[in-house]
Amino acid sequence: MKTNVGSLDRILRIVAGLVLIALAATGIVGVWGWIGVIPLLTGIFRFCPAYTLLGMNTCPMKK
């Protein structure tokens, strides 16, 4: 897996994932809140399969 998630993107994914999981765990939102696992994992591993399919990359170029 080649890294394709940049720093700011990574932080936003992790925060959004944790918020959704917390809301689902407390019952504020329904079961759909557990979808937050996906952005959390893509932020942790710095790899997004959807970015690969779309040819996107938010990582800065390495020299």
PDB file of N, CA and C in Angstrom:
ATOM      1  N   MET A   1       0.844  -1.181   0.000  1.00  0.00           N
ATOM      2  CA  MET A   1       0.000   0.000   0.000  1.00  0.00           C
ATOM      3  C   MET A   1       0.886   1.240   0.000  1.00  0.00           C
ATOM      4  N   LYS A   2       0.664   2.091  -0.954  1.00  0.00           N
ATOM      5  CA  LYS A   2       1.403   3.336  -1.048  1.00  0.00           C
ATOM      6  C   LYS A   2       0.608   4.428  -0.336  1.00  0.00           C
ATOM      7  N   THR A   3       1.284   5.213   0.458  1.00  0.00           N
ATOM      8  CA  THR A   3       0.642   6.290   1.202  1.00  0.00           C
ATOM      9  C   THR A   3       0.033   7.297   0.232  1.00  0.00           C
ATOM     10  N   ASN A   4      -1.258   7.626   0.434  1.00  0.00           N
ATOM     11  CA  ASN A   4      -1.895   8.615  -0.427  1.00  0.00           C
ATOM     12  C   ASN A   4      -2.774   9.591   0.348  1.00  0.00           C
ATOM     13  N   VAL A   5      -2.622   9.630   1.663  1.00  0.00           N
ATOM     14  CA  VAL A   5      -3.392  10.548   2.512  1.00  0.00           C
ATOM     15  C   VAL A   5      -2.404  11.480   3.203  1.00  0.00           C
ATOM     16  N   GLY A   6      -2.531  12.779   2.959  1.00  0.00           N
ATOM     17  CA  GLY A   6      -1.628  13.768   3.532  1.00  0.00           C
ATOM     18  C   GLY A   6      -1.928  14.076   4.990  1.00  0.00           C
ATOM     19  N   SER A   7      -1.134  14.946   5.575  1.00  0.00           N
ATOM     20  CA  SER A   7      -1.206  15.246   7.009  1.00  0.00           C
ATOM     21  C   SER A   7      -2.537  15.864   7.434  1.00  0.00           C
ATOM     22  N   LEU A   8      -2.946  16.923   6.767  1.00  0.00           N
ATOM     23  CA  LEU A   8      -4.207  17.576   7.139  1.00  0.00           C
ATOM     24  C   LEU A   8      -5.386  16.639   6.894  1.00  0.00           C
ATOM     25  N   ASP A   9      -5.374  15.962   5.775  1.00  0.00           N
ATOM     26  CA  ASP A   9      -6.410  14.991   5.442  1.00  0.00           C
ATOM     27  C   ASP A   9      -6.464  13.898   6.505  1.00  0.00           C
ATOM     28  N   ARG A  10      -5.294  13.445   6.938  1.00  0.00           N
ATOM     29  CA  ARG A  10      -5.206  12.391   7.956  1.00  0.00           C
ATOM     30  C   ARG A  10      -5.829  12.846   9.276  1.00  0.00           C
ATOM     31  N   ILE A  11      -5.491  14.043   9.712  1.00  0.00           N
ATOM     32  CA  ILE A  11      -6.019  14.566  10.977  1.00  0.00           C
ATOM     33  C   ILE A  11      -7.539  14.693  10.912  1.00  0.00           C
ATOM     34  N   LEU A  12      -8.039  15.231   9.808  1.00  0.00           N
ATOM     35  CA  LEU A  12      -9.489  15.398   9.657  1.00  0.00           C
ATOM     36  C   LEU A  12     -10.211  14.053   9.647  1.00  0.00           C
ATOM     37  N   ARG A  13      -9.631  13.054   8.990  1.00  0.00           N
ATOM     38  CA  ARG A  13     -10.244  11.725   8.950  1.00  0.00           C
ATOM     39  C   ARG A  13     -10.300  11.095  10.339  1.00  0.00           C
ATOM     40  N   ILE A  14      -9.198  11.208  11.083  1.00  0.00           N
ATOM     41  CA  ILE A  14      -9.147  10.611  12.422  1.00  0.00           C
ATOM     42  C   ILE A  14     -10.151  11.292  13.349  1.00  0.00           C
ATOM     43  N   VAL A  15     -10.191  12.606  13.328  1.00  0.00           N
ATOM     44  CA  VAL A  15     -11.123  13.346  14.191  1.00  0.00           C
ATOM     45  C   VAL A  15     -12.570  13.026  13.820  1.00  0.00           C
ATOM     46  N   ALA A  16     -12.893  13.058  12.533  1.00  0.00           N
ATOM     47  CA  ALA A  16     -14.261  12.768  12.095  1.00  0.00           C
ATOM     48  C   ALA A  16     -14.655  11.344  12.461  1.00  0.00           C
ATOM     49  N   GLY A  17     -13.732  10.408  12.274  1.00  0.00           N
ATOM     50  CA  GLY A  17     -14.013   9.018  12.626  1.00  0.00           C
ATOM     51  C   GLY A  17     -14.278   8.844  14.114  1.00  0.00           C
ATOM     52  N   LEU A  18     -13.451   9.454  14.942  1.00  0.00           N
ATOM     53  CA  LEU A  18     -13.638   9.350  16.393  1.00  0.00           C
ATOM     54  C   LEU A  18     -14.940   9.991  16.852  1.00  0.00           C
ATOM     55  N   VAL A  19     -15.279  11.126  16.257  1.00  0.00           N
ATOM     56  CA  VAL A  19     -16.534  11.799  16.605  1.00  0.00           C
ATOM     57  C   VAL A  19     -17.734  10.927  16.244  1.00  0.00           C
ATOM     58  N   LEU A  20     -17.735  10.374  15.037  1.00  0.00           N
ATOM     59  CA  LEU A  20     -18.847   9.514  14.619  1.00  0.00           C
ATOM     60  C   LEU A  20     -18.967   8.275  15.501  1.00  0.00           C
ATOM     61  N   ILE A  21     -17.840   7.664  15.830  1.00  0.00           N
ATOM     62  CA  ILE A  21     -17.864   6.474  16.687  1.00  0.00           C
ATOM     63  C   ILE A  21     -18.371   6.831  18.080  1.00  0.00           C
ATOM     64  N   ALA A  22     -17.927   7.959  18.618  1.00  0.00           N
ATOM     65  CA  ALA A  22     -18.390   8.386  19.945  1.00  0.00           C
ATOM     66  C   ALA A  22     -19.889   8.672  19.942  1.00  0.00           C
ATOM     67  N   LEU A  23     -20.377   9.320  18.894  1.00  0.00           N
ATOM     68  CA  LEU A  23     -21.814   9.604  18.809  1.00  0.00           C
ATOM     69  C   LEU A  23     -22.628   8.319  18.688  1.00  0.00           C
ATOM     70  N   ALA A  24     -22.116   7.357  17.954  1.00  0.00           N
ATOM     71  CA  ALA A  24     -22.819   6.076  17.817  1.00  0.00           C
ATOM     72  C   ALA A  24     -22.787   5.296  19.129  1.00  0.00           C
ATOM     73  N   ALA A  25     -21.652   5.335  19.816  1.00  0.00           N
ATOM     74  CA  ALA A  25     -21.510   4.590  21.073  1.00  0.00           C
ATOM     75  C   ALA A  25     -22.404   5.153  22.176  1.00  0.00           C
ATOM     76  N   THR A  26     -22.638   6.451  22.150  1.00  0.00           N
ATOM     77  CA  THR A  26     -23.483   7.068  23.173  1.00  0.00           C
ATOM     78  C   THR A  26     -24.960   7.069  22.795  1.00  0.00           C
ATOM     79  N   GLY A  27     -25.261   6.655  21.582  1.00  0.00           N
ATOM     80  CA  GLY A  27     -26.653   6.559  21.163  1.00  0.00           C
ATOM     81  C   GLY A  27     -27.229   7.851  20.611  1.00  0.00           C
ATOM     82  N   ILE A  28     -26.412   8.853  20.414  1.00  0.00           N
ATOM     83  CA  ILE A  28     -26.895  10.127  19.893  1.00  0.00           C
ATOM     84  C   ILE A  28     -27.294   9.985  18.425  1.00  0.00           C
ATOM     85  N   VAL A  29     -26.499   9.235  17.672  1.00  0.00           N
ATOM     86  CA  VAL A  29     -26.854   8.932  16.288  1.00  0.00           C
ATOM     87  C   VAL A  29     -27.119   7.430  16.207  1.00  0.00           C
ATOM     88  N   GLY A  30     -27.697   7.018  15.137  1.00  0.00           N
ATOM     89  CA  GLY A  30     -28.024   5.612  14.978  1.00  0.00           C
ATOM     90  C   GLY A  30     -26.808   4.755  14.673  1.00  0.00           C
ATOM     91  N   VAL A  31     -27.096   3.568  14.249  1.00  0.00           N
ATOM     92  CA  VAL A  31     -26.062   2.590  13.939  1.00  0.00           C
ATOM     93  C   VAL A  31     -25.156   3.072  12.813  1.00  0.00           C
ATOM     94  N   TRP A  32     -25.657   3.917  11.927  1.00  0.00           N
ATOM     95  CA  TRP A  32     -24.860   4.406  10.814  1.00  0.00           C
ATOM     96  C   TRP A  32     -23.622   5.153  11.292  1.00  0.00           C
ATOM     97  N   GLY A  33     -23.595   5.613  12.514  1.00  0.00           N
ATOM     98  CA  GLY A  33     -22.442   6.332  13.052  1.00  0.00           C
ATOM     99  C   GLY A  33     -21.182   5.480  13.118  1.00  0.00           C
ATOM    100  N   TRP A  34     -21.372   4.159  13.138  1.00  0.00           N
ATOM    101  CA  TRP A  34     -20.215   3.262  13.166  1.00  0.00           C
ATOM    102  C   TRP A  34     -19.445   3.283  11.850  1.00  0.00           C
ATOM    103  N   ILE A  35     -19.995   3.950  10.841  1.00  0.00           N
ATOM    104  CA  ILE A  35     -19.272   4.121   9.585  1.00  0.00           C
ATOM    105  C   ILE A  35     -18.001   4.942   9.820  1.00  0.00           C
ATOM    106  N   GLY A  36     -17.917   5.587  10.966  1.00  0.00           N
ATOM    107  CA  GLY A  36     -16.732   6.351  11.339  1.00  0.00           C
ATOM    108  C   GLY A  36     -15.478   5.502  11.442  1.00  0.00           C
ATOM    109  N   VAL A  37     -15.643   4.195  11.499  1.00  0.00           N
ATOM    110  CA  VAL A  37     -14.486   3.298  11.534  1.00  0.00           C
ATOM    111  C   VAL A  37     -13.675   3.438  10.239  1.00  0.00           C
ATOM    112  N   ILE A  38     -14.349   3.667   9.133  1.00  0.00           N
ATOM    113  CA  ILE A  38     -13.654   3.753   7.843  1.00  0.00           C
ATOM    114  C   ILE A  38     -12.716   4.959   7.783  1.00  0.00           C
ATOM    115  N   PRO A  39     -13.195   6.191   8.059  1.00  0.00           N
ATOM    116  CA  PRO A  39     -12.241   7.305   8.022  1.00  0.00           C
ATOM    117  C   PRO A  39     -11.160   7.180   9.097  1.00  0.00           C
ATOM    118  N   LEU A  40     -11.497   6.586  10.236  1.00  0.00           N
ATOM    119  CA  LEU A  40     -10.495   6.399  11.283  1.00  0.00           C
ATOM    120  C   LEU A  40      -9.363   5.495  10.784  1.00  0.00           C
ATOM    121  N   LEU A  41      -9.706   4.378  10.188  1.00  0.00           N
ATOM    122  CA  LEU A  41      -8.682   3.453   9.694  1.00  0.00           C
ATOM    123  C   LEU A  41      -7.891   4.028   8.526  1.00  0.00           C
ATOM    124  N   THR A  42      -8.570   4.732   7.623  1.00  0.00           N
ATOM    125  CA  THR A  42      -7.835   5.321   6.492  1.00  0.00           C
ATOM    126  C   THR A  42      -6.893   6.425   6.977  1.00  0.00           C
ATOM    127  N   GLY A  43      -7.267   7.109   8.048  1.00  0.00           N
ATOM    128  CA  GLY A  43      -6.375   8.117   8.627  1.00  0.00           C
ATOM    129  C   GLY A  43      -5.198   7.492   9.343  1.00  0.00           C
ATOM    130  N   ILE A  44      -5.435   6.419  10.057  1.00  0.00           N
ATOM    131  CA  ILE A  44      -4.355   5.750  10.789  1.00  0.00           C
ATOM    132  C   ILE A  44      -3.341   5.133   9.827  1.00  0.00           C
ATOM    133  N   PHE A  45      -3.830   4.451   8.809  1.00  0.00           N
ATOM    134  CA  PHE A  45      -2.932   3.764   7.885  1.00  0.00           C
ATOM    135  C   PHE A  45      -2.443   4.645   6.738  1.00  0.00           C
ATOM    136  N   ARG A  46      -2.969   5.868   6.632  1.00  0.00           N
ATOM    137  CA  ARG A  46      -2.576   6.832   5.598  1.00  0.00           C
ATOM    138  C   ARG A  46      -2.767   6.288   4.189  1.00  0.00           C
ATOM    139  N   PHE A  47      -3.772   5.448   4.018  1.00  0.00           N
ATOM    140  CA  PHE A  47      -4.070   4.874   2.711  1.00  0.00           C
ATOM    141  C   PHE A  47      -5.576   4.852   2.515  1.00  0.00           C
ATOM    142  N   CYS A  48      -6.025   5.366   1.381  1.00  0.00           N
ATOM    143  CA  CYS A  48      -7.444   5.377   1.064  1.00  0.00           C
ATOM    144  C   CYS A  48      -7.654   4.669  -0.279  1.00  0.00           C
ATOM    145  N   PRO A  49      -8.350   3.526  -0.266  1.00  0.00           N
ATOM    146  CA  PRO A  49      -8.592   2.807  -1.518  1.00  0.00           C
ATOM    147  C   PRO A  49      -9.367   3.638  -2.541  1.00  0.00           C
ATOM    148  N   ALA A  50     -10.275   4.476  -2.085  1.00  0.00           N
ATOM    149  CA  ALA A  50     -11.046   5.315  -3.012  1.00  0.00           C
ATOM    150  C   ALA A  50     -10.131   6.311  -3.729  1.00  0.00           C
ATOM    151  N   TYR A  51      -9.136   6.842  -3.027  1.00  0.00           N
ATOM    152  CA  TYR A  51      -8.182   7.750  -3.664  1.00  0.00           C
ATOM    153  C   TYR A  51      -7.419   7.025  -4.766  1.00  0.00           C
ATOM    154  N   THR A  52      -7.071   5.773  -4.527  1.00  0.00           N
ATOM    155  CA  THR A  52      -6.356   4.991  -5.532  1.00  0.00           C
ATOM    156  C   THR A  52      -7.214   4.819  -6.780  1.00  0.00           C
ATOM    157  N   LEU A  53      -8.485   4.490  -6.584  1.00  0.00           N
ATOM    158  CA  LEU A  53      -9.386   4.299  -7.716  1.00  0.00           C
ATOM    159  C   LEU A  53      -9.596   5.589  -8.504  1.00  0.00           C
ATOM    160  N   LEU A  54      -9.630   6.712  -7.797  1.00  0.00           N
ATOM    161  CA  LEU A  54      -9.865   8.001  -8.442  1.00  0.00           C
ATOM    162  C   LEU A  54      -8.579   8.694  -8.894  1.00  0.00           C
ATOM    163  N   GLY A  55      -7.436   8.097  -8.570  1.00  0.00           N
ATOM    164  CA  GLY A  55      -6.159   8.685  -8.958  1.00  0.00           C
ATOM    165  C   GLY A  55      -5.793   9.915  -8.154  1.00  0.00           C
ATOM    166  N   MET A  56      -6.290  10.016  -6.948  1.00  0.00           N
ATOM    167  CA  MET A  56      -6.015  11.180  -6.110  1.00  0.00           C
ATOM    168  C   MET A  56      -4.874  10.881  -5.138  1.00  0.00           C
ATOM    169  N   ASN A  57      -4.249  11.943  -4.641  1.00  0.00           N
ATOM    170  CA  ASN A  57      -3.178  11.817  -3.674  1.00  0.00           C
ATOM    171  C   ASN A  57      -3.041  13.149  -2.961  1.00  0.00           C
ATOM    172  N   THR A  58      -3.190  13.162  -1.630  1.00  0.00           N
ATOM    173  CA  THR A  58      -3.067  14.414  -0.887  1.00  0.00           C
ATOM    174  C   THR A  58      -1.726  14.514  -0.159  1.00  0.00           C
ATOM    175  N   CYS A  59      -0.844  13.542  -0.374  1.00  0.00           N
ATOM    176  CA  CYS A  59       0.491  13.587   0.204  1.00  0.00           C
ATOM    177  C   CYS A  59       1.368  14.544  -0.592  1.00  0.00           C
ATOM    178  N   PRO A  60       2.253  15.253   0.107  1.00  0.00           N
ATOM    179  CA  PRO A  60       3.195  16.090  -0.639  1.00  0.00           C
ATOM    180  C   PRO A  60       4.149  15.188  -1.430  1.00  0.00           C
ATOM    181  N   MET A  61       4.617  15.693  -2.529  1.00  0.00           N
ATOM    182  CA  MET A  61       5.526  14.901  -3.363  1.00  0.00           C
ATOM    183  C   MET A  61       6.866  14.721  -2.658  1.00  0.00           C
ATOM    184  N   LYS A  62       7.398  13.500  -2.757  1.00  0.00           N
ATOM    185  CA  LYS A  62       8.714  13.219  -2.171  1.00  0.00           C
ATOM    186  C   LYS A  62       9.795  13.451  -3.218  1.00  0.00           C
ATOM    187  N   LYS A  63      10.909  14.012  -2.786  1.00  0.00           N
ATOM    188  CA  LYS A  63      11.996  14.314  -3.714  1.00  0.00           C
ATOM    189  C   LYS A  63      12.990  13.191  -3.746  1.00  0.00           C
TER     190      LYS A  63
END
